[in-house]
Each structure stands twice: as structure tokens, then as C-alpha cells.
Amino acid sequence: MNNKIKISLSSVLLVGLWVGAGMVNAAPKSHKAVKTDTVKEEDEVKSPLGCRDVGYSFELKVLKILPEAAGERNSLYFIFNKLDQPLKLFQMRKEDSTRSLYLNHTIESHQWAVLSTSEKHIKYICAKADSESAYGDIVDCADSLKVCEYARVKFGLNNRGNLWLVNSNNKNGAVREVVNYGIIPR
């Protein structure tokens, strides 16, 4: 009879250890999942690989895009909307700028957009939606946007100019769209 009790106690102890080990392993997995989601969100806000923090400035709530070189070489800017709602970018033009169209754009919440330009400088006002105004409520671009420039980009002859290449996409999707368009960021 002592043998049966020893076997039963051993079995209970073994099952207890097995269940306990399962519970110990379960806790870090759920913790890792939360941590992974946070890491993914932080990674989405980081600039794409090779995209540098140059070629722009923020002044008086306005985004100034200032490419290092203009003319033959286009510049490629990745712009991220940090807000929880869509952000409208309205291009500011001088009175003598009647030869080209406005490059206004809307970037969805927590999404990237890509601007290709050969202009010497471009200025944007940032605005978020407002029910009382068609243009929205002006916000500080420095608080609302993350911007970076690809300094060395290979453009094909058919895809130069001033245009928004990517409307709104996640970071990897935006890079993929640029490459599919025939532009090689380096």
C-alpha cells in the first residue's frame, strides 16, 4: 500500500510541476506580445533605412522643404503623420508662382507619404479637420510630422518632377511603392 501512495504522490507532484511550468512559460509570452506590439509601433515611426534627417526645417508652425540640390536631381522626402487623425498639407506659394499647380496633400493617421520634388524650396501649412472650416484647424507641423530625406536617389527619366508618389501607407508599403514606381532610394 505504501507503494501505491508513493506512486500517487509522485504523480500529483509531477503533474503539479508540469502545470506550474506551463504557467511560468505563459506569463512571459503574453508580456512579450505586448512588448512586440509596442516595438512594432515604435519601429513604424522610425525613418526608413537610409532616410536622413536633413533637407527640411520647421519655422513658425510651417514645414520648409529645402533640398540640398535642385534642378537635375530630384529629392525624395518621406513624411509621417504623428497625429491620431488625418493631416492636411497646404502648399504656400509666392504671388509670382503661377506656372505650376499646388502640391496639397492629406496624410492619414500614423501613415507615411512620399514627396518627390525638384523645387528649390517648398513650404507647407499643416491643418487637421475642423467642422467649422473647409481648410481645417492649423497645427504646428513640428509637432505633427516626422520628415526625412533620401540624399542619394536614382530616378528614371520618366519619373522626375514634383508629385506625391505615395498618398498614405505604412513604412514598408511606402518604400515598396517608391521602388515599384522605378525610384531606387539608397
N, C-alpha and C. Protein backbone atom coordinates (compact mmCIF):
# COMPACT_ATOMS: atom_id res chain seq x y z
N MET A 1 0.81 -1.18 0.00
CA MET A 1 0.00 0.00 0.00
C MET A 1 0.86 1.25 0.00
N ASN A 2 1.96 1.22 0.67
CA ASN A 2 2.88 2.35 0.68
C ASN A 2 3.38 2.66 -0.73
N ASN A 3 3.56 1.62 -1.50
CA ASN A 3 4.00 1.79 -2.87
C ASN A 3 2.97 2.59 -3.68
N LYS A 4 1.67 2.27 -3.50
CA LYS A 4 0.60 2.97 -4.21
C LYS A 4 0.56 4.44 -3.80
N ILE A 5 0.75 4.74 -2.54
CA ILE A 5 0.73 6.12 -2.06
C ILE A 5 1.91 6.88 -2.63
N LYS A 6 3.09 6.24 -2.67
CA LYS A 6 4.27 6.90 -3.22
C LYS A 6 4.06 7.20 -4.70
N ILE A 7 3.49 6.28 -5.45
CA ILE A 7 3.24 6.48 -6.88
C ILE A 7 2.23 7.60 -7.08
N SER A 8 1.16 7.62 -6.26
CA SER A 8 0.14 8.66 -6.37
C SER A 8 0.72 10.03 -6.05
N LEU A 9 1.51 10.13 -4.97
CA LEU A 9 2.13 11.40 -4.61
C LEU A 9 3.12 11.85 -5.69
N SER A 10 3.85 10.92 -6.23
CA SER A 10 4.80 11.24 -7.30
C SER A 10 4.05 11.76 -8.53
N SER A 11 2.94 11.11 -8.84
CA SER A 11 2.15 11.52 -9.99
C SER A 11 1.58 12.92 -9.79
N VAL A 12 1.06 13.19 -8.60
CA VAL A 12 0.50 14.51 -8.29
C VAL A 12 1.59 15.57 -8.35
N LEU A 13 2.75 15.27 -7.80
CA LEU A 13 3.87 16.20 -7.80
C LEU A 13 4.33 16.48 -9.23
N LEU A 14 4.43 15.45 -10.05
CA LEU A 14 4.84 15.59 -11.44
C LEU A 14 3.84 16.43 -12.23
N VAL A 15 2.56 16.17 -12.06
CA VAL A 15 1.52 16.94 -12.74
C VAL A 15 1.56 18.39 -12.27
N GLY A 16 1.73 18.59 -10.98
CA GLY A 16 1.83 19.95 -10.42
C GLY A 16 3.00 20.72 -11.01
N LEU A 17 4.15 20.07 -11.11
CA LEU A 17 5.32 20.71 -11.71
C LEU A 17 5.08 21.03 -13.18
N TRP A 18 4.44 20.12 -13.87
CA TRP A 18 4.16 20.31 -15.30
C TRP A 18 3.22 21.49 -15.51
N VAL A 19 2.14 21.58 -14.72
CA VAL A 19 1.19 22.69 -14.82
C VAL A 19 1.87 24.00 -14.40
N GLY A 20 2.64 23.96 -13.34
CA GLY A 20 3.36 25.15 -12.89
C GLY A 20 4.33 25.67 -13.93
N ALA A 21 5.04 24.76 -14.57
CA ALA A 21 5.98 25.15 -15.63
C ALA A 21 5.22 25.79 -16.79
N GLY A 22 4.07 25.25 -17.09
CA GLY A 22 3.25 25.83 -18.17
C GLY A 22 2.80 27.23 -17.82
N MET A 23 2.45 27.48 -16.56
CA MET A 23 2.02 28.81 -16.13
C MET A 23 3.19 29.78 -16.15
N VAL A 24 4.35 29.35 -15.75
CA VAL A 24 5.53 30.22 -15.76
C VAL A 24 5.87 30.62 -17.18
N ASN A 25 5.81 29.68 -18.11
CA ASN A 25 6.10 29.98 -19.52
C ASN A 25 5.01 30.84 -20.14
N ALA A 26 3.78 30.74 -19.67
CA ALA A 26 2.69 31.51 -20.25
C ALA A 26 2.82 32.99 -19.95
N ALA A 27 3.28 33.36 -18.76
CA ALA A 27 3.36 34.77 -18.38
C ALA A 27 4.31 35.56 -19.29
N PRO A 28 5.52 35.12 -19.55
CA PRO A 28 6.39 35.89 -20.42
C PRO A 28 5.86 35.99 -21.85
N LYS A 29 5.16 34.98 -22.34
CA LYS A 29 4.65 35.04 -23.71
C LYS A 29 3.67 36.20 -23.86
N SER A 30 2.75 36.37 -22.93
CA SER A 30 1.81 37.48 -23.04
C SER A 30 2.55 38.80 -22.86
N HIS A 31 3.55 38.84 -22.01
CA HIS A 31 4.34 40.05 -21.82
C HIS A 31 5.11 40.38 -23.10
N LYS A 32 5.66 39.37 -23.74
CA LYS A 32 6.39 39.59 -24.99
C LYS A 32 5.47 40.10 -26.08
N ALA A 33 4.23 39.63 -26.14
CA ALA A 33 3.30 40.08 -27.17
C ALA A 33 3.03 41.57 -27.03
N VAL A 34 2.83 42.04 -25.82
CA VAL A 34 2.61 43.47 -25.58
C VAL A 34 3.86 44.25 -25.97
N LYS A 35 4.99 43.75 -25.57
CA LYS A 35 6.25 44.40 -25.89
C LYS A 35 6.48 44.42 -27.39
N THR A 36 6.16 43.36 -28.10
CA THR A 36 6.33 43.28 -29.54
C THR A 36 5.45 44.31 -30.23
N ASP A 37 4.19 44.48 -29.79
CA ASP A 37 3.30 45.47 -30.39
C ASP A 37 3.87 46.87 -30.22
N THR A 38 4.40 47.16 -29.04
CA THR A 38 4.99 48.47 -28.78
C THR A 38 6.21 48.67 -29.66
N VAL A 39 7.02 47.65 -29.81
CA VAL A 39 8.21 47.73 -30.66
C VAL A 39 7.80 47.97 -32.10
N LYS A 40 6.74 47.30 -32.56
CA LYS A 40 6.28 47.49 -33.93
C LYS A 40 5.81 48.93 -34.15
N GLU A 41 5.09 49.50 -33.18
CA GLU A 41 4.64 50.88 -33.29
C GLU A 41 5.82 51.83 -33.31
N GLU A 42 6.80 51.62 -32.43
CA GLU A 42 7.99 52.46 -32.41
C GLU A 42 8.78 52.32 -33.70
N ASP A 43 8.86 51.11 -34.24
CA ASP A 43 9.58 50.87 -35.48
C ASP A 43 8.89 51.57 -36.65
N GLU A 44 7.57 51.65 -36.64
CA GLU A 44 6.81 52.29 -37.71
C GLU A 44 7.10 53.79 -37.76
N VAL A 45 7.38 54.41 -36.62
CA VAL A 45 7.65 55.84 -36.55
C VAL A 45 9.09 56.16 -36.97
N LYS A 46 9.99 55.22 -36.82
CA LYS A 46 11.38 55.43 -37.21
C LYS A 46 11.46 55.65 -38.72
N SER A 47 12.42 56.46 -39.12
CA SER A 47 12.63 56.72 -40.54
C SER A 47 13.07 55.44 -41.24
N PRO A 48 12.71 55.29 -42.53
CA PRO A 48 13.19 54.13 -43.28
C PRO A 48 14.71 54.12 -43.35
N LEU A 49 15.27 52.95 -43.48
CA LEU A 49 16.72 52.78 -43.52
C LEU A 49 17.32 53.64 -44.64
N GLY A 50 18.29 54.46 -44.30
CA GLY A 50 18.95 55.31 -45.28
C GLY A 50 18.34 56.69 -45.44
N CYS A 51 17.17 56.91 -44.87
CA CYS A 51 16.49 58.21 -44.94
C CYS A 51 17.04 59.08 -43.82
N ARG A 52 17.62 60.22 -44.19
CA ARG A 52 18.33 61.05 -43.22
C ARG A 52 17.51 62.25 -42.77
N ASP A 53 17.84 62.75 -41.61
CA ASP A 53 17.17 63.89 -41.00
C ASP A 53 17.79 65.19 -41.52
N VAL A 54 17.66 65.44 -42.84
CA VAL A 54 18.23 66.63 -43.48
C VAL A 54 17.24 67.16 -44.51
N GLY A 55 17.53 68.37 -45.01
CA GLY A 55 16.78 68.91 -46.14
C GLY A 55 15.44 69.53 -45.81
N TYR A 56 15.21 69.85 -44.54
CA TYR A 56 13.95 70.48 -44.15
C TYR A 56 14.15 71.25 -42.86
N SER A 57 13.19 72.11 -42.54
CA SER A 57 13.20 72.79 -41.24
C SER A 57 11.77 73.16 -40.88
N PHE A 58 11.55 73.41 -39.61
CA PHE A 58 10.26 73.87 -39.12
C PHE A 58 10.44 75.30 -38.63
N GLU A 59 9.57 76.19 -39.10
CA GLU A 59 9.67 77.58 -38.69
C GLU A 59 8.27 78.19 -38.62
N LEU A 60 7.90 78.71 -37.46
CA LEU A 60 6.59 79.34 -37.26
C LEU A 60 5.43 78.42 -37.68
N LYS A 61 5.43 77.20 -37.20
CA LYS A 61 4.40 76.18 -37.46
C LYS A 61 4.40 75.69 -38.92
N VAL A 62 5.35 76.09 -39.72
CA VAL A 62 5.40 75.76 -41.14
C VAL A 62 6.52 74.77 -41.41
N LEU A 63 6.29 73.82 -42.33
CA LEU A 63 7.32 72.90 -42.80
C LEU A 63 7.97 73.49 -44.04
N LYS A 64 9.29 73.67 -43.98
CA LYS A 64 10.05 74.15 -45.14
C LYS A 64 10.86 72.99 -45.68
N ILE A 65 10.65 72.64 -46.92
CA ILE A 65 11.43 71.59 -47.57
C ILE A 65 12.52 72.27 -48.38
N LEU A 66 13.76 71.95 -48.05
CA LEU A 66 14.93 72.61 -48.64
C LEU A 66 15.90 71.56 -49.16
N PRO A 67 15.70 71.06 -50.35
CA PRO A 67 16.62 70.04 -50.88
C PRO A 67 18.05 70.55 -50.96
N GLU A 68 19.00 69.65 -50.78
CA GLU A 68 20.42 70.03 -50.86
C GLU A 68 20.79 70.45 -52.27
N ALA A 69 20.18 69.85 -53.27
CA ALA A 69 20.46 70.20 -54.66
C ALA A 69 19.14 70.20 -55.43
N ALA A 70 18.99 71.15 -56.34
CA ALA A 70 17.78 71.24 -57.16
C ALA A 70 18.18 71.17 -58.63
N GLY A 71 17.19 71.11 -59.49
CA GLY A 71 17.47 71.07 -60.92
C GLY A 71 17.42 69.66 -61.45
N GLU A 72 18.56 69.15 -61.93
CA GLU A 72 18.63 67.80 -62.50
C GLU A 72 18.23 66.72 -61.50
N ARG A 73 18.65 66.89 -60.26
CA ARG A 73 18.42 65.86 -59.26
C ARG A 73 17.16 66.15 -58.45
N ASN A 74 16.24 65.24 -58.46
CA ASN A 74 15.07 65.35 -57.60
C ASN A 74 15.43 64.94 -56.18
N SER A 75 14.63 65.39 -55.24
CA SER A 75 14.77 64.97 -53.86
C SER A 75 13.56 64.14 -53.47
N LEU A 76 13.76 63.21 -52.57
CA LEU A 76 12.71 62.30 -52.15
C LEU A 76 12.54 62.43 -50.64
N TYR A 77 11.33 62.83 -50.21
CA TYR A 77 11.04 63.05 -48.80
C TYR A 77 9.98 62.08 -48.31
N PHE A 78 10.26 61.42 -47.21
CA PHE A 78 9.28 60.58 -46.52
C PHE A 78 8.73 61.41 -45.37
N ILE A 79 7.39 61.50 -45.28
CA ILE A 79 6.73 62.34 -44.28
C ILE A 79 5.72 61.49 -43.52
N PHE A 80 5.84 61.47 -42.18
CA PHE A 80 4.99 60.65 -41.32
C PHE A 80 4.04 61.54 -40.52
N ASN A 81 2.75 61.18 -40.50
CA ASN A 81 1.74 61.89 -39.72
C ASN A 81 1.70 61.28 -38.32
N LYS A 82 2.08 62.05 -37.30
CA LYS A 82 2.11 61.57 -35.92
C LYS A 82 0.76 61.67 -35.22
N LEU A 83 -0.19 62.36 -35.83
CA LEU A 83 -1.49 62.60 -35.18
C LEU A 83 -2.41 61.39 -35.28
N ASP A 84 -3.46 61.40 -34.46
CA ASP A 84 -4.47 60.34 -34.46
C ASP A 84 -5.59 60.62 -35.46
N GLN A 85 -5.40 61.58 -36.33
CA GLN A 85 -6.39 61.91 -37.36
C GLN A 85 -5.66 62.37 -38.62
N PRO A 86 -6.36 62.41 -39.76
CA PRO A 86 -5.70 62.84 -41.00
C PRO A 86 -5.15 64.26 -40.88
N LEU A 87 -4.06 64.50 -41.56
CA LEU A 87 -3.40 65.80 -41.55
C LEU A 87 -3.34 66.33 -42.98
N LYS A 88 -3.81 67.55 -43.18
CA LYS A 88 -3.78 68.19 -44.49
C LYS A 88 -2.55 69.06 -44.59
N LEU A 89 -1.86 68.97 -45.73
CA LEU A 89 -0.71 69.82 -46.01
C LEU A 89 -1.08 70.76 -47.15
N PHE A 90 -1.05 72.06 -46.88
CA PHE A 90 -1.37 73.07 -47.89
C PHE A 90 -0.09 73.79 -48.28
N GLN A 91 0.23 73.73 -49.58
CA GLN A 91 1.45 74.35 -50.06
C GLN A 91 1.28 75.87 -50.09
N MET A 92 2.28 76.57 -49.58
CA MET A 92 2.31 78.03 -49.62
C MET A 92 3.10 78.44 -50.86
N ARG A 93 2.52 79.33 -51.66
CA ARG A 93 3.19 79.78 -52.88
C ARG A 93 3.34 81.29 -52.87
N LYS A 94 4.34 81.76 -53.55
CA LYS A 94 4.53 83.21 -53.72
C LYS A 94 3.59 83.69 -54.81
N GLU A 95 3.37 84.99 -54.87
CA GLU A 95 2.47 85.55 -55.88
C GLU A 95 2.97 85.31 -57.30
N ASP A 96 4.29 85.27 -57.49
CA ASP A 96 4.85 85.09 -58.83
C ASP A 96 4.88 83.63 -59.28
N SER A 97 4.36 82.72 -58.48
CA SER A 97 4.39 81.29 -58.80
C SER A 97 3.09 80.86 -59.46
N THR A 98 2.89 81.26 -60.67
CA THR A 98 1.66 80.90 -61.38
C THR A 98 1.89 79.78 -62.39
N ARG A 99 3.12 79.35 -62.54
CA ARG A 99 3.44 78.38 -63.58
C ARG A 99 3.15 76.93 -63.20
N SER A 100 2.93 76.63 -61.95
CA SER A 100 2.71 75.24 -61.57
C SER A 100 1.56 75.09 -60.60
N LEU A 101 1.12 73.86 -60.42
CA LEU A 101 0.00 73.54 -59.54
C LEU A 101 0.44 73.44 -58.10
N TYR A 102 -0.54 73.58 -57.21
CA TYR A 102 -0.27 73.36 -55.79
C TYR A 102 -0.07 71.88 -55.53
N LEU A 103 0.82 71.57 -54.61
CA LEU A 103 1.08 70.19 -54.22
C LEU A 103 0.45 69.91 -52.86
N ASN A 104 -0.84 70.24 -52.72
CA ASN A 104 -1.54 69.98 -51.46
C ASN A 104 -1.73 68.48 -51.31
N HIS A 105 -1.85 68.04 -50.05
CA HIS A 105 -1.95 66.59 -49.80
C HIS A 105 -2.56 66.32 -48.43
N THR A 106 -3.14 65.15 -48.28
CA THR A 106 -3.65 64.69 -46.99
C THR A 106 -2.98 63.37 -46.64
N ILE A 107 -2.45 63.28 -45.42
CA ILE A 107 -1.80 62.05 -44.94
C ILE A 107 -2.68 61.48 -43.84
N GLU A 108 -3.03 60.22 -43.96
CA GLU A 108 -3.87 59.57 -42.96
C GLU A 108 -3.11 59.40 -41.64
N SER A 109 -3.84 59.13 -40.59
CA SER A 109 -3.29 58.99 -39.24
C SER A 109 -2.23 57.88 -39.18
N HIS A 110 -1.07 58.21 -38.59
CA HIS A 110 0.03 57.26 -38.38
C HIS A 110 0.43 56.55 -39.68
N GLN A 111 0.49 57.31 -40.76
CA GLN A 111 0.87 56.79 -42.07
C GLN A 111 2.00 57.64 -42.66
N TRP A 112 2.68 57.06 -43.63
CA TRP A 112 3.76 57.73 -44.35
C TRP A 112 3.26 58.17 -45.72
N ALA A 113 3.76 59.30 -46.19
CA ALA A 113 3.55 59.76 -47.55
C ALA A 113 4.93 60.09 -48.12
N VAL A 114 5.04 60.09 -49.45
CA VAL A 114 6.34 60.35 -50.07
C VAL A 114 6.19 61.44 -51.12
N LEU A 115 7.04 62.46 -51.01
CA LEU A 115 7.05 63.60 -51.94
C LEU A 115 8.33 63.58 -52.75
N SER A 116 8.19 63.67 -54.06
CA SER A 116 9.33 63.82 -54.95
C SER A 116 9.29 65.25 -55.47
N THR A 117 10.40 65.96 -55.36
CA THR A 117 10.41 67.36 -55.81
C THR A 117 11.75 67.77 -56.38
N SER A 118 11.69 68.71 -57.32
CA SER A 118 12.91 69.32 -57.86
C SER A 118 12.88 70.82 -57.62
N GLU A 119 11.91 71.30 -56.84
CA GLU A 119 11.82 72.72 -56.47
C GLU A 119 12.98 73.08 -55.54
N LYS A 120 13.37 74.35 -55.55
CA LYS A 120 14.45 74.79 -54.67
C LYS A 120 13.99 74.82 -53.23
N HIS A 121 12.75 75.20 -53.00
CA HIS A 121 12.18 75.17 -51.65
C HIS A 121 10.66 75.18 -51.75
N ILE A 122 10.04 74.48 -50.82
CA ILE A 122 8.59 74.38 -50.73
C ILE A 122 8.21 74.58 -49.27
N LYS A 123 7.10 75.29 -49.05
CA LYS A 123 6.60 75.49 -47.69
C LYS A 123 5.20 74.89 -47.59
N TYR A 124 4.93 74.27 -46.43
CA TYR A 124 3.61 73.69 -46.17
C TYR A 124 3.05 74.17 -44.84
N ILE A 125 1.74 74.44 -44.83
CA ILE A 125 0.99 74.68 -43.61
C ILE A 125 0.30 73.37 -43.28
N CYS A 126 0.28 72.99 -42.02
CA CYS A 126 -0.38 71.76 -41.58
C CYS A 126 -1.71 72.09 -40.92
N ALA A 127 -2.74 71.30 -41.24
CA ALA A 127 -4.06 71.51 -40.64
C ALA A 127 -4.74 70.18 -40.40
N LYS A 128 -5.48 70.11 -39.29
CA LYS A 128 -6.28 68.92 -39.02
C LYS A 128 -7.75 69.28 -39.25
N ALA A 129 -8.59 68.30 -39.43
CA ALA A 129 -10.00 68.51 -39.75
C ALA A 129 -10.70 69.35 -38.69
N ASP A 130 -11.57 70.24 -39.17
CA ASP A 130 -12.37 71.09 -38.29
C ASP A 130 -13.74 71.23 -38.93
N SER A 131 -14.79 71.00 -38.16
CA SER A 131 -16.15 71.03 -38.72
C SER A 131 -16.57 72.44 -39.14
N GLU A 132 -15.94 73.47 -38.61
CA GLU A 132 -16.33 74.84 -38.93
C GLU A 132 -15.60 75.42 -40.14
N SER A 133 -14.53 74.80 -40.59
CA SER A 133 -13.75 75.34 -41.70
C SER A 133 -13.41 74.24 -42.70
N ALA A 134 -13.52 74.57 -43.97
CA ALA A 134 -13.18 73.60 -45.02
C ALA A 134 -11.68 73.31 -45.03
N TYR A 135 -10.88 74.28 -44.61
CA TYR A 135 -9.43 74.10 -44.61
C TYR A 135 -8.93 73.41 -43.36
N GLY A 136 -9.68 73.44 -42.28
CA GLY A 136 -9.29 72.80 -41.04
C GLY A 136 -8.68 73.75 -40.05
N ASP A 137 -8.17 73.21 -38.97
CA ASP A 137 -7.56 73.95 -37.88
C ASP A 137 -6.04 73.84 -38.01
N ILE A 138 -5.35 74.97 -38.12
CA ILE A 138 -3.90 74.96 -38.31
C ILE A 138 -3.21 74.43 -37.05
N VAL A 139 -2.26 73.52 -37.26
CA VAL A 139 -1.48 72.94 -36.17
C VAL A 139 0.00 73.15 -36.48
N ASP A 140 0.83 72.97 -35.47
CA ASP A 140 2.28 73.10 -35.64
C ASP A 140 2.81 71.87 -36.37
N CYS A 141 3.42 72.08 -37.52
CA CYS A 141 3.96 70.97 -38.31
C CYS A 141 5.04 70.21 -37.55
N ALA A 142 5.82 70.91 -36.72
CA ALA A 142 6.89 70.25 -35.97
C ALA A 142 6.34 69.22 -35.00
N ASP A 143 5.15 69.47 -34.45
CA ASP A 143 4.53 68.53 -33.52
C ASP A 143 3.75 67.44 -34.23
N SER A 144 3.42 67.65 -35.49
CA SER A 144 2.52 66.74 -36.21
C SER A 144 3.22 65.82 -37.20
N LEU A 145 4.42 66.19 -37.63
CA LEU A 145 5.10 65.45 -38.70
C LEU A 145 6.49 64.96 -38.28
N LYS A 146 6.90 63.87 -38.92
CA LYS A 146 8.29 63.41 -38.89
C LYS A 146 8.72 63.38 -40.35
N VAL A 147 9.86 63.99 -40.66
CA VAL A 147 10.31 64.13 -42.05
C VAL A 147 11.74 63.63 -42.16
N CYS A 148 12.03 63.00 -43.31
CA CYS A 148 13.41 62.64 -43.62
C CYS A 148 13.59 62.66 -45.13
N GLU A 149 14.85 62.78 -45.56
CA GLU A 149 15.15 62.86 -46.99
C GLU A 149 16.15 61.77 -47.38
N TYR A 150 15.90 61.16 -48.52
CA TYR A 150 16.91 60.28 -49.12
C TYR A 150 17.85 61.17 -49.90
N ALA A 151 19.10 61.21 -49.49
CA ALA A 151 20.07 62.12 -50.09
C ALA A 151 20.57 61.63 -51.45
N ARG A 152 20.70 60.33 -51.61
CA ARG A 152 21.19 59.77 -52.88
C ARG A 152 20.11 58.87 -53.46
N VAL A 153 19.44 59.34 -54.49
CA VAL A 153 18.32 58.61 -55.08
C VAL A 153 18.55 58.49 -56.57
N LYS A 154 18.25 57.32 -57.12
CA LYS A 154 18.34 57.09 -58.56
C LYS A 154 16.93 57.17 -59.15
N PHE A 155 16.70 58.20 -59.98
CA PHE A 155 15.42 58.38 -60.65
C PHE A 155 15.56 57.96 -62.10
N GLY A 156 14.52 57.33 -62.64
CA GLY A 156 14.46 57.07 -64.07
C GLY A 156 14.06 58.36 -64.78
N LEU A 157 14.26 58.43 -66.07
CA LEU A 157 13.92 59.64 -66.82
C LEU A 157 12.42 59.91 -66.84
N ASN A 158 11.62 58.87 -66.69
CA ASN A 158 10.17 59.03 -66.77
C ASN A 158 9.50 59.36 -65.44
N ASN A 159 10.23 59.44 -64.36
CA ASN A 159 9.58 59.68 -63.06
C ASN A 159 10.22 60.82 -62.28
N ARG A 160 10.60 61.87 -62.99
CA ARG A 160 11.13 63.06 -62.33
C ARG A 160 10.01 64.09 -62.25
N GLY A 161 10.16 65.04 -61.35
CA GLY A 161 9.18 66.11 -61.25
C GLY A 161 8.70 66.30 -59.84
N ASN A 162 7.63 67.08 -59.71
CA ASN A 162 7.06 67.41 -58.42
C ASN A 162 5.74 66.68 -58.26
N LEU A 163 5.72 65.67 -57.41
CA LEU A 163 4.49 64.90 -57.22
C LEU A 163 4.56 64.12 -55.91
N TRP A 164 3.37 63.75 -55.44
CA TRP A 164 3.27 62.86 -54.28
C TRP A 164 3.27 61.44 -54.82
N LEU A 165 4.33 60.69 -54.54
CA LEU A 165 4.45 59.31 -55.02
C LEU A 165 3.58 58.36 -54.22
N VAL A 166 3.50 58.56 -52.92
CA VAL A 166 2.74 57.68 -52.04
C VAL A 166 1.76 58.56 -51.27
N ASN A 167 0.48 58.21 -51.34
CA ASN A 167 -0.54 59.00 -50.64
C ASN A 167 -0.47 58.77 -49.14
N SER A 168 -0.76 57.57 -48.70
CA SER A 168 -0.69 57.18 -47.29
C SER A 168 -0.48 55.68 -47.23
N ASN A 169 0.54 55.26 -46.49
CA ASN A 169 0.84 53.84 -46.39
C ASN A 169 1.70 53.64 -45.14
N ASN A 170 1.87 52.36 -44.73
CA ASN A 170 2.80 52.11 -43.65
C ASN A 170 4.22 52.27 -44.20
N LYS A 171 5.23 52.22 -43.34
CA LYS A 171 6.59 52.50 -43.77
C LYS A 171 7.07 51.53 -44.85
N ASN A 172 6.92 50.23 -44.63
CA ASN A 172 7.38 49.25 -45.61
C ASN A 172 6.60 49.36 -46.92
N GLY A 173 5.31 49.63 -46.81
CA GLY A 173 4.48 49.80 -48.01
C GLY A 173 4.90 51.02 -48.81
N ALA A 174 5.25 52.11 -48.11
CA ALA A 174 5.69 53.32 -48.80
C ALA A 174 7.01 53.08 -49.55
N VAL A 175 7.95 52.41 -48.89
CA VAL A 175 9.23 52.10 -49.55
C VAL A 175 8.98 51.19 -50.76
N ARG A 176 8.12 50.19 -50.60
CA ARG A 176 7.80 49.27 -51.69
C ARG A 176 7.16 50.02 -52.87
N GLU A 177 6.24 50.96 -52.60
CA GLU A 177 5.60 51.73 -53.66
C GLU A 177 6.61 52.58 -54.42
N VAL A 178 7.57 53.19 -53.69
CA VAL A 178 8.60 54.00 -54.33
C VAL A 178 9.44 53.15 -55.27
N VAL A 179 9.84 51.98 -54.81
CA VAL A 179 10.65 51.08 -55.64
C VAL A 179 9.84 50.59 -56.84
N ASN A 180 8.57 50.26 -56.64
CA ASN A 180 7.72 49.84 -57.76
C ASN A 180 7.52 50.96 -58.78
N TYR A 181 7.62 52.18 -58.32
CA TYR A 181 7.48 53.33 -59.21
C TYR A 181 8.72 53.50 -60.09
N GLY A 182 9.82 52.86 -59.71
CA GLY A 182 11.05 52.91 -60.50
C GLY A 182 12.11 53.82 -59.92
N ILE A 183 11.98 54.15 -58.65
CA ILE A 183 12.95 55.01 -57.98
C ILE A 183 13.71 54.15 -56.97
N ILE A 184 15.02 54.30 -56.94
CA ILE A 184 15.83 53.49 -56.04
C ILE A 184 16.41 54.38 -54.96
N PRO A 185 15.82 54.32 -53.73
CA PRO A 185 16.41 55.08 -52.62
C PRO A 185 17.63 54.35 -52.07
N ARG A 186 18.72 55.10 -51.80
CA ARG A 186 19.94 54.50 -51.24
C ARG A 186 20.38 55.23 -50.03
